[in-house]
Amino acid sequence: MKYLLDTDHLSIIQRQMGQDYINLSIRMAQYPLSDFAISIVTFHEQLLGSHTYISRARNDSEVVKGYEMMVRLINDFKVLPLVSFDADAATALSQLQAKRIQLARMDSRIAAIAPSRKLVLLTRNHRDFSKVLGLLIEDWTV
Protein backbone atom coordinates (compact mmCIF):
# COMPACT_ATOMS: atom_id res chain seq x y z
CA MET A 1 0.00 0.00 0.00
CA LYS A 2 1.31 3.42 -0.96
CA TYR A 3 -1.72 5.66 -1.46
CA LEU A 4 -4.76 6.52 0.63
CA LEU A 5 -7.75 7.78 -1.33
CA ASP A 6 -9.48 10.72 0.30
CA THR A 7 -13.25 10.73 0.15
CA ASP A 8 -13.24 13.19 -2.76
CA HIS A 9 -11.03 10.99 -4.94
CA LEU A 10 -13.12 7.93 -4.12
CA SER A 11 -16.31 9.80 -5.00
CA ILE A 12 -14.86 10.70 -8.40
CA ILE A 13 -14.12 7.04 -9.05
CA GLN A 14 -17.62 6.06 -7.96
CA ARG A 15 -19.29 8.60 -10.29
CA GLN A 16 -17.18 7.45 -13.29
CA MET A 17 -17.67 10.63 -15.27
CA GLY A 18 -15.92 13.84 -16.16
CA GLN A 19 -12.37 14.95 -16.78
CA ASP A 20 -11.37 14.46 -13.13
CA TYR A 21 -12.38 10.80 -13.43
CA ILE A 22 -10.46 10.37 -16.68
CA ASN A 23 -7.30 11.94 -15.22
CA LEU A 24 -7.54 9.94 -12.00
CA SER A 25 -8.21 6.65 -13.82
CA ILE A 26 -5.27 7.11 -16.17
CA ARG A 27 -2.95 7.83 -13.27
CA MET A 28 -4.21 4.94 -11.13
CA ALA A 29 -3.88 2.52 -14.05
CA GLN A 30 -0.11 3.04 -13.87
CA TYR A 31 -0.01 1.27 -10.48
CA PRO A 32 -1.18 -2.09 -9.18
CA LEU A 33 -4.49 -1.99 -7.32
CA SER A 34 -2.62 -3.20 -4.23
CA ASP A 35 -0.97 0.24 -3.97
CA PHE A 36 -4.29 1.85 -2.97
CA ALA A 37 -6.38 1.84 0.18
CA ILE A 38 -9.38 3.61 1.67
CA SER A 39 -9.74 4.72 5.28
CA ILE A 40 -12.51 3.67 7.62
CA VAL A 41 -13.15 7.40 8.00
CA THR A 42 -14.05 7.65 4.31
CA PHE A 43 -16.41 4.70 4.75
CA HIS A 44 -17.92 6.49 7.75
CA GLU A 45 -18.40 9.69 5.72
CA GLN A 46 -20.08 7.90 2.86
CA LEU A 47 -22.24 5.81 5.15
CA LEU A 48 -23.41 8.98 6.88
CA GLY A 49 -24.27 10.43 3.48
CA SER A 50 -26.42 7.41 2.62
CA HIS A 51 -28.03 7.48 6.04
CA THR A 52 -28.87 11.16 5.70
CA TYR A 53 -30.37 10.56 2.26
CA ILE A 54 -32.57 7.78 3.64
CA SER A 55 -33.56 9.85 6.68
CA ARG A 56 -34.67 12.73 4.47
CA ALA A 57 -36.51 10.54 1.96
CA ARG A 58 -39.99 11.85 1.21
CA ASN A 59 -41.32 8.75 -0.50
CA ASP A 60 -40.71 5.02 -1.00
CA SER A 61 -38.78 5.61 -4.20
CA GLU A 62 -36.24 7.79 -2.39
CA VAL A 63 -35.92 5.22 0.42
CA VAL A 64 -35.20 2.54 -2.17
CA LYS A 65 -32.62 4.77 -3.85
CA GLY A 66 -30.97 5.46 -0.49
CA TYR A 67 -30.60 1.78 0.28
CA GLU A 68 -29.29 1.15 -3.24
CA MET A 69 -26.66 3.78 -2.50
CA MET A 70 -25.70 1.81 0.62
CA VAL A 71 -25.41 -1.44 -1.33
CA ARG A 72 -23.15 0.26 -3.89
CA LEU A 73 -21.09 1.66 -1.03
CA ILE A 74 -20.58 -1.77 0.50
CA ASN A 75 -19.62 -3.22 -2.89
CA ASP A 76 -17.18 -0.36 -3.56
CA PHE A 77 -15.44 -1.00 -0.26
CA LYS A 78 -14.86 -4.66 -1.13
CA VAL A 79 -12.40 -3.67 -3.87
CA LEU A 80 -9.65 -1.90 -1.90
CA PRO A 81 -8.17 -2.55 1.54
CA LEU A 82 -9.75 -0.65 4.39
CA VAL A 83 -7.30 1.15 6.70
CA SER A 84 -8.51 1.37 10.27
CA PHE A 85 -8.27 4.25 12.69
CA ASP A 86 -5.90 2.63 15.17
CA ALA A 87 -3.88 3.71 18.20
CA ASP A 88 -1.15 5.23 16.00
CA ALA A 89 -3.73 7.31 14.14
CA ALA A 90 -5.28 8.37 17.46
CA THR A 91 -1.86 9.54 18.66
CA ALA A 92 -1.28 11.44 15.42
CA LEU A 93 -4.74 13.01 15.76
CA SER A 94 -3.95 14.14 19.31
CA GLN A 95 -0.75 15.76 18.04
CA LEU A 96 -2.70 17.57 15.29
CA GLN A 97 -5.24 18.81 17.81
CA ALA A 98 -2.46 20.03 20.13
CA LYS A 99 -1.13 22.15 17.26
CA ARG A 100 -4.62 23.67 16.84
CA ILE A 101 -4.66 23.06 13.09
CA GLN A 102 -8.09 24.01 11.74
CA LEU A 103 -9.47 20.97 9.94
CA ALA A 104 -12.92 19.43 9.77
CA ARG A 105 -13.33 16.44 12.10
CA MET A 106 -13.25 13.76 9.40
CA ASP A 107 -10.39 15.46 7.53
CA SER A 108 -8.38 15.51 10.77
CA ARG A 109 -8.90 11.80 11.19
CA ILE A 110 -7.87 11.07 7.61
CA ALA A 111 -4.87 13.39 8.02
CA ALA A 112 -3.87 11.34 11.08
CA ILE A 113 -4.21 7.97 9.37
CA ALA A 114 -2.10 8.68 6.27
CA PRO A 115 1.23 9.56 7.95
CA SER A 116 0.77 6.94 10.68
CA ARG A 117 0.73 4.33 7.87
CA LYS A 118 3.28 6.18 5.73
CA LEU A 119 0.77 6.69 2.93
CA VAL A 120 0.44 9.50 0.42
CA LEU A 121 -3.03 11.04 0.59
CA LEU A 122 -4.71 11.47 -2.79
CA THR A 123 -7.02 14.46 -2.51
CA ARG A 124 -8.16 17.63 -4.22
CA ASN A 125 -8.36 19.36 -0.84
CA HIS A 126 -4.90 20.95 -0.78
CA ARG A 127 -6.20 24.03 1.02
CA ASP A 128 -6.96 22.12 4.22
CA PHE A 129 -4.61 19.15 4.12
CA SER A 130 -1.56 21.28 3.30
CA LYS A 131 -1.85 22.71 6.83
CA VAL A 132 -0.59 19.38 8.19
CA LEU A 133 3.21 19.32 8.21
CA GLY A 134 4.64 16.03 7.06
CA LEU A 135 1.44 14.91 5.34
CA LEU A 136 2.21 13.95 1.76
CA ILE A 137 -0.64 14.94 -0.55
CA GLU A 138 -1.16 14.66 -4.27
CA ASP A 139 -4.05 15.53 -6.56
CA TRP A 140 -4.33 13.04 -9.41
CA THR A 141 -7.34 14.73 -10.99
CA VAL A 142 -5.25 17.48 -12.60
C-alpha atoms as a PDB file:
ATOM      1  CA  MET A   1       0.000   0.000   0.000  1.00  0.00           C
ATOM      2  CA  LYS A   2       1.308   3.419  -0.959  1.00  0.00           C
ATOM      3  CA  TYR A   3      -1.722   5.663  -1.459  1.00  0.00           C
ATOM      4  CA  LEU A   4      -4.757   6.523   0.631  1.00  0.00           C
ATOM      5  CA  LEU A   5      -7.751   7.782  -1.333  1.00  0.00           C
ATOM      6  CA  ASP A   6      -9.478  10.723   0.297  1.00  0.00           C
ATOM      7  CA  THR A   7     -13.251  10.734   0.145  1.00  0.00           C
ATOM      8  CA  ASP A   8     -13.243  13.194  -2.759  1.00  0.00           C
ATOM      9  CA  HIS A   9     -11.028  10.988  -4.943  1.00  0.00           C
ATOM     10  CA  LEU A  10     -13.120   7.928  -4.123  1.00  0.00           C
ATOM     11  CA  SER A  11     -16.311   9.801  -5.004  1.00  0.00           C
ATOM     12  CA  ILE A  12     -14.855  10.701  -8.398  1.00  0.00           C
ATOM     13  CA  ILE A  13     -14.118   7.038  -9.051  1.00  0.00           C
ATOM     14  CA  GLN A  14     -17.623   6.064  -7.962  1.00  0.00           C
ATOM     15  CA  ARG A  15     -19.288   8.597 -10.292  1.00  0.00           C
ATOM     16  CA  GLN A  16     -17.182   7.447 -13.287  1.00  0.00           C
ATOM     17  CA  MET A  17     -17.666  10.626 -15.269  1.00  0.00           C
ATOM     18  CA  GLY A  18     -15.921  13.844 -16.162  1.00  0.00           C
ATOM     19  CA  GLN A  19     -12.368  14.951 -16.776  1.00  0.00           C
ATOM     20  CA  ASP A  20     -11.374  14.458 -13.132  1.00  0.00           C
ATOM     21  CA  TYR A  21     -12.382  10.798 -13.426  1.00  0.00           C
ATOM     22  CA  ILE A  22     -10.458  10.366 -16.679  1.00  0.00           C
ATOM     23  CA  ASN A  23      -7.300  11.937 -15.223  1.00  0.00           C
ATOM     24  CA  LEU A  24      -7.544   9.938 -12.001  1.00  0.00           C
ATOM     25  CA  SER A  25      -8.213   6.654 -13.819  1.00  0.00           C
ATOM     26  CA  ILE A  26      -5.272   7.105 -16.171  1.00  0.00           C
ATOM     27  CA  ARG A  27      -2.950   7.831 -13.270  1.00  0.00           C
ATOM     28  CA  MET A  28      -4.213   4.944 -11.126  1.00  0.00           C
ATOM     29  CA  ALA A  29      -3.878   2.518 -14.046  1.00  0.00           C
ATOM     30  CA  GLN A  30      -0.114   3.038 -13.873  1.00  0.00           C
ATOM     31  CA  TYR A  31      -0.009   1.267 -10.485  1.00  0.00           C
ATOM     32  CA  PRO A  32      -1.181  -2.087  -9.179  1.00  0.00           C
ATOM     33  CA  LEU A  33      -4.489  -1.986  -7.320  1.00  0.00           C
ATOM     34  CA  SER A  34      -2.621  -3.202  -4.230  1.00  0.00           C
ATOM     35  CA  ASP A  35      -0.974   0.243  -3.972  1.00  0.00           C
ATOM     36  CA  PHE A  36      -4.290   1.852  -2.969  1.00  0.00           C
ATOM     37  CA  ALA A  37      -6.379   1.842   0.178  1.00  0.00           C
ATOM     38  CA  ILE A  38      -9.379   3.609   1.669  1.00  0.00           C
ATOM     39  CA  SER A  39      -9.742   4.716   5.275  1.00  0.00           C
ATOM     40  CA  ILE A  40     -12.508   3.666   7.619  1.00  0.00           C
ATOM     41  CA  VAL A  41     -13.150   7.403   7.997  1.00  0.00           C
ATOM     42  CA  THR A  42     -14.049   7.652   4.308  1.00  0.00           C
ATOM     43  CA  PHE A  43     -16.407   4.701   4.752  1.00  0.00           C
ATOM     44  CA  HIS A  44     -17.921   6.488   7.747  1.00  0.00           C
ATOM     45  CA  GLU A  45     -18.397   9.691   5.724  1.00  0.00           C
ATOM     46  CA  GLN A  46     -20.081   7.900   2.856  1.00  0.00           C
ATOM     47  CA  LEU A  47     -22.245   5.807   5.147  1.00  0.00           C
ATOM     48  CA  LEU A  48     -23.408   8.980   6.884  1.00  0.00           C
ATOM     49  CA  GLY A  49     -24.274  10.434   3.483  1.00  0.00           C
ATOM     50  CA  SER A  50     -26.421   7.409   2.616  1.00  0.00           C
ATOM     51  CA  HIS A  51     -28.028   7.480   6.043  1.00  0.00           C
ATOM     52  CA  THR A  52     -28.872  11.160   5.699  1.00  0.00           C
ATOM     53  CA  TYR A  53     -30.366  10.563   2.258  1.00  0.00           C
ATOM     54  CA  ILE A  54     -32.569   7.780   3.635  1.00  0.00           C
ATOM     55  CA  SER A  55     -33.564   9.851   6.679  1.00  0.00           C
ATOM     56  CA  ARG A  56     -34.671  12.734   4.470  1.00  0.00           C
ATOM     57  CA  ALA A  57     -36.508  10.543   1.963  1.00  0.00           C
ATOM     58  CA  ARG A  58     -39.985  11.852   1.211  1.00  0.00           C
ATOM     59  CA  ASN A  59     -41.324   8.745  -0.497  1.00  0.00           C
ATOM     60  CA  ASP A  60     -40.711   5.019  -0.996  1.00  0.00           C
ATOM     61  CA  SER A  61     -38.780   5.613  -4.198  1.00  0.00           C
ATOM     62  CA  GLU A  62     -36.237   7.789  -2.386  1.00  0.00           C
ATOM     63  CA  VAL A  63     -35.920   5.222   0.417  1.00  0.00           C
ATOM     64  CA  VAL A  64     -35.201   2.536  -2.175  1.00  0.00           C
ATOM     65  CA  LYS A  65     -32.621   4.771  -3.847  1.00  0.00           C
ATOM     66  CA  GLY A  66     -30.966   5.457  -0.490  1.00  0.00           C
ATOM     67  CA  TYR A  67     -30.599   1.778   0.277  1.00  0.00           C
ATOM     68  CA  GLU A  68     -29.292   1.153  -3.240  1.00  0.00           C
ATOM     69  CA  MET A  69     -26.656   3.781  -2.496  1.00  0.00           C
ATOM     70  CA  MET A  70     -25.703   1.814   0.621  1.00  0.00           C
ATOM     71  CA  VAL A  71     -25.412  -1.440  -1.326  1.00  0.00           C
ATOM     72  CA  ARG A  72     -23.148   0.258  -3.892  1.00  0.00           C
ATOM     73  CA  LEU A  73     -21.089   1.660  -1.033  1.00  0.00           C
ATOM     74  CA  ILE A  74     -20.583  -1.772   0.498  1.00  0.00           C
ATOM     75  CA  ASN A  75     -19.618  -3.216  -2.892  1.00  0.00           C
ATOM     76  CA  ASP A  76     -17.179  -0.360  -3.559  1.00  0.00           C
ATOM     77  CA  PHE A  77     -15.442  -0.996  -0.257  1.00  0.00           C
ATOM     78  CA  LYS A  78     -14.859  -4.657  -1.126  1.00  0.00           C
ATOM     79  CA  VAL A  79     -12.402  -3.668  -3.865  1.00  0.00           C
ATOM     80  CA  LEU A  80      -9.655  -1.895  -1.899  1.00  0.00           C
ATOM     81  CA  PRO A  81      -8.173  -2.554   1.543  1.00  0.00           C
ATOM     82  CA  LEU A  82      -9.749  -0.646   4.392  1.00  0.00           C
ATOM     83  CA  VAL A  83      -7.300   1.152   6.696  1.00  0.00           C
ATOM     84  CA  SER A  84      -8.505   1.366  10.269  1.00  0.00           C
ATOM     85  CA  PHE A  85      -8.273   4.251  12.694  1.00  0.00           C
ATOM     86  CA  ASP A  86      -5.896   2.627  15.168  1.00  0.00           C
ATOM     87  CA  ALA A  87      -3.882   3.711  18.204  1.00  0.00           C
ATOM     88  CA  ASP A  88      -1.148   5.235  16.000  1.00  0.00           C
ATOM     89  CA  ALA A  89      -3.725   7.309  14.139  1.00  0.00           C
ATOM     90  CA  ALA A  90      -5.278   8.369  17.457  1.00  0.00           C
ATOM     91  CA  THR A  91      -1.856   9.539  18.657  1.00  0.00           C
ATOM     92  CA  ALA A  92      -1.283  11.436  15.419  1.00  0.00           C
ATOM     93  CA  LEU A  93      -4.738  13.012  15.763  1.00  0.00           C
ATOM     94  CA  SER A  94      -3.945  14.143  19.313  1.00  0.00           C
ATOM     95  CA  GLN A  95      -0.745  15.759  18.041  1.00  0.00           C
ATOM     96  CA  LEU A  96      -2.703  17.568  15.290  1.00  0.00           C
ATOM     97  CA  GLN A  97      -5.236  18.809  17.807  1.00  0.00           C
ATOM     98  CA  ALA A  98      -2.462  20.027  20.126  1.00  0.00           C
ATOM     99  CA  LYS A  99      -1.133  22.155  17.259  1.00  0.00           C
ATOM    100  CA  ARG A 100      -4.617  23.673  16.838  1.00  0.00           C
ATOM    101  CA  ILE A 101      -4.665  23.057  13.092  1.00  0.00           C
ATOM    102  CA  GLN A 102      -8.085  24.015  11.744  1.00  0.00           C
ATOM    103  CA  LEU A 103      -9.468  20.974   9.943  1.00  0.00           C
ATOM    104  CA  ALA A 104     -12.915  19.434   9.772  1.00  0.00           C
ATOM    105  CA  ARG A 105     -13.334  16.443  12.101  1.00  0.00           C
ATOM    106  CA  MET A 106     -13.247  13.764   9.398  1.00  0.00           C
ATOM    107  CA  ASP A 107     -10.392  15.465   7.529  1.00  0.00           C
ATOM    108  CA  SER A 108      -8.382  15.513  10.767  1.00  0.00           C
ATOM    109  CA  ARG A 109      -8.904  11.795  11.190  1.00  0.00           C
ATOM    110  CA  ILE A 110      -7.871  11.071   7.612  1.00  0.00           C
ATOM    111  CA  ALA A 111      -4.869  13.390   8.021  1.00  0.00           C
ATOM    112  CA  ALA A 112      -3.872  11.345  11.082  1.00  0.00           C
ATOM    113  CA  ILE A 113      -4.206   7.969   9.375  1.00  0.00           C
ATOM    114  CA  ALA A 114      -2.096   8.684   6.270  1.00  0.00           C
ATOM    115  CA  PRO A 115       1.234   9.557   7.948  1.00  0.00           C
ATOM    116  CA  SER A 116       0.768   6.943  10.682  1.00  0.00           C
ATOM    117  CA  ARG A 117       0.727   4.334   7.872  1.00  0.00           C
ATOM    118  CA  LYS A 118       3.280   6.176   5.732  1.00  0.00           C
ATOM    119  CA  LEU A 119       0.770   6.688   2.934  1.00  0.00           C
ATOM    120  CA  VAL A 120       0.436   9.499   0.418  1.00  0.00           C
ATOM    121  CA  LEU A 121      -3.033  11.040   0.586  1.00  0.00           C
ATOM    122  CA  LEU A 122      -4.710  11.465  -2.791  1.00  0.00           C
ATOM    123  CA  THR A 123      -7.025  14.459  -2.511  1.00  0.00           C
ATOM    124  CA  ARG A 124      -8.160  17.630  -4.218  1.00  0.00           C
ATOM    125  CA  ASN A 125      -8.358  19.360  -0.838  1.00  0.00           C
ATOM    126  CA  HIS A 126      -4.898  20.945  -0.782  1.00  0.00           C
ATOM    127  CA  ARG A 127      -6.202  24.027   1.020  1.00  0.00           C
ATOM    128  CA  ASP A 128      -6.963  22.118   4.215  1.00  0.00           C
ATOM    129  CA  PHE A 129      -4.612  19.154   4.123  1.00  0.00           C
ATOM    130  CA  SER A 130      -1.557  21.283   3.301  1.00  0.00           C
ATOM    131  CA  LYS A 131      -1.846  22.714   6.834  1.00  0.00           C
ATOM    132  CA  VAL A 132      -0.592  19.382   8.192  1.00  0.00           C
ATOM    133  CA  LEU A 133       3.207  19.322   8.207  1.00  0.00           C
ATOM    134  CA  GLY A 134       4.637  16.031   7.059  1.00  0.00           C
ATOM    135  CA  LEU A 135       1.438  14.906   5.343  1.00  0.00           C
ATOM    136  CA  LEU A 136       2.208  13.949   1.759  1.00  0.00           C
ATOM    137  CA  ILE A 137      -0.643  14.936  -0.552  1.00  0.00           C
ATOM    138  CA  GLU A 138      -1.155  14.658  -4.275  1.00  0.00           C
ATOM    139  CA  ASP A 139      -4.048  15.526  -6.560  1.00  0.00           C
ATOM    140  CA  TRP A 140      -4.330  13.043  -9.413  1.00  0.00           C
ATOM    141  CA  THR A 141      -7.338  14.727 -10.985  1.00  0.00           C
ATOM    142  CA  VAL A 142      -5.246  17.478 -12.601  1.00  0.00           C
END
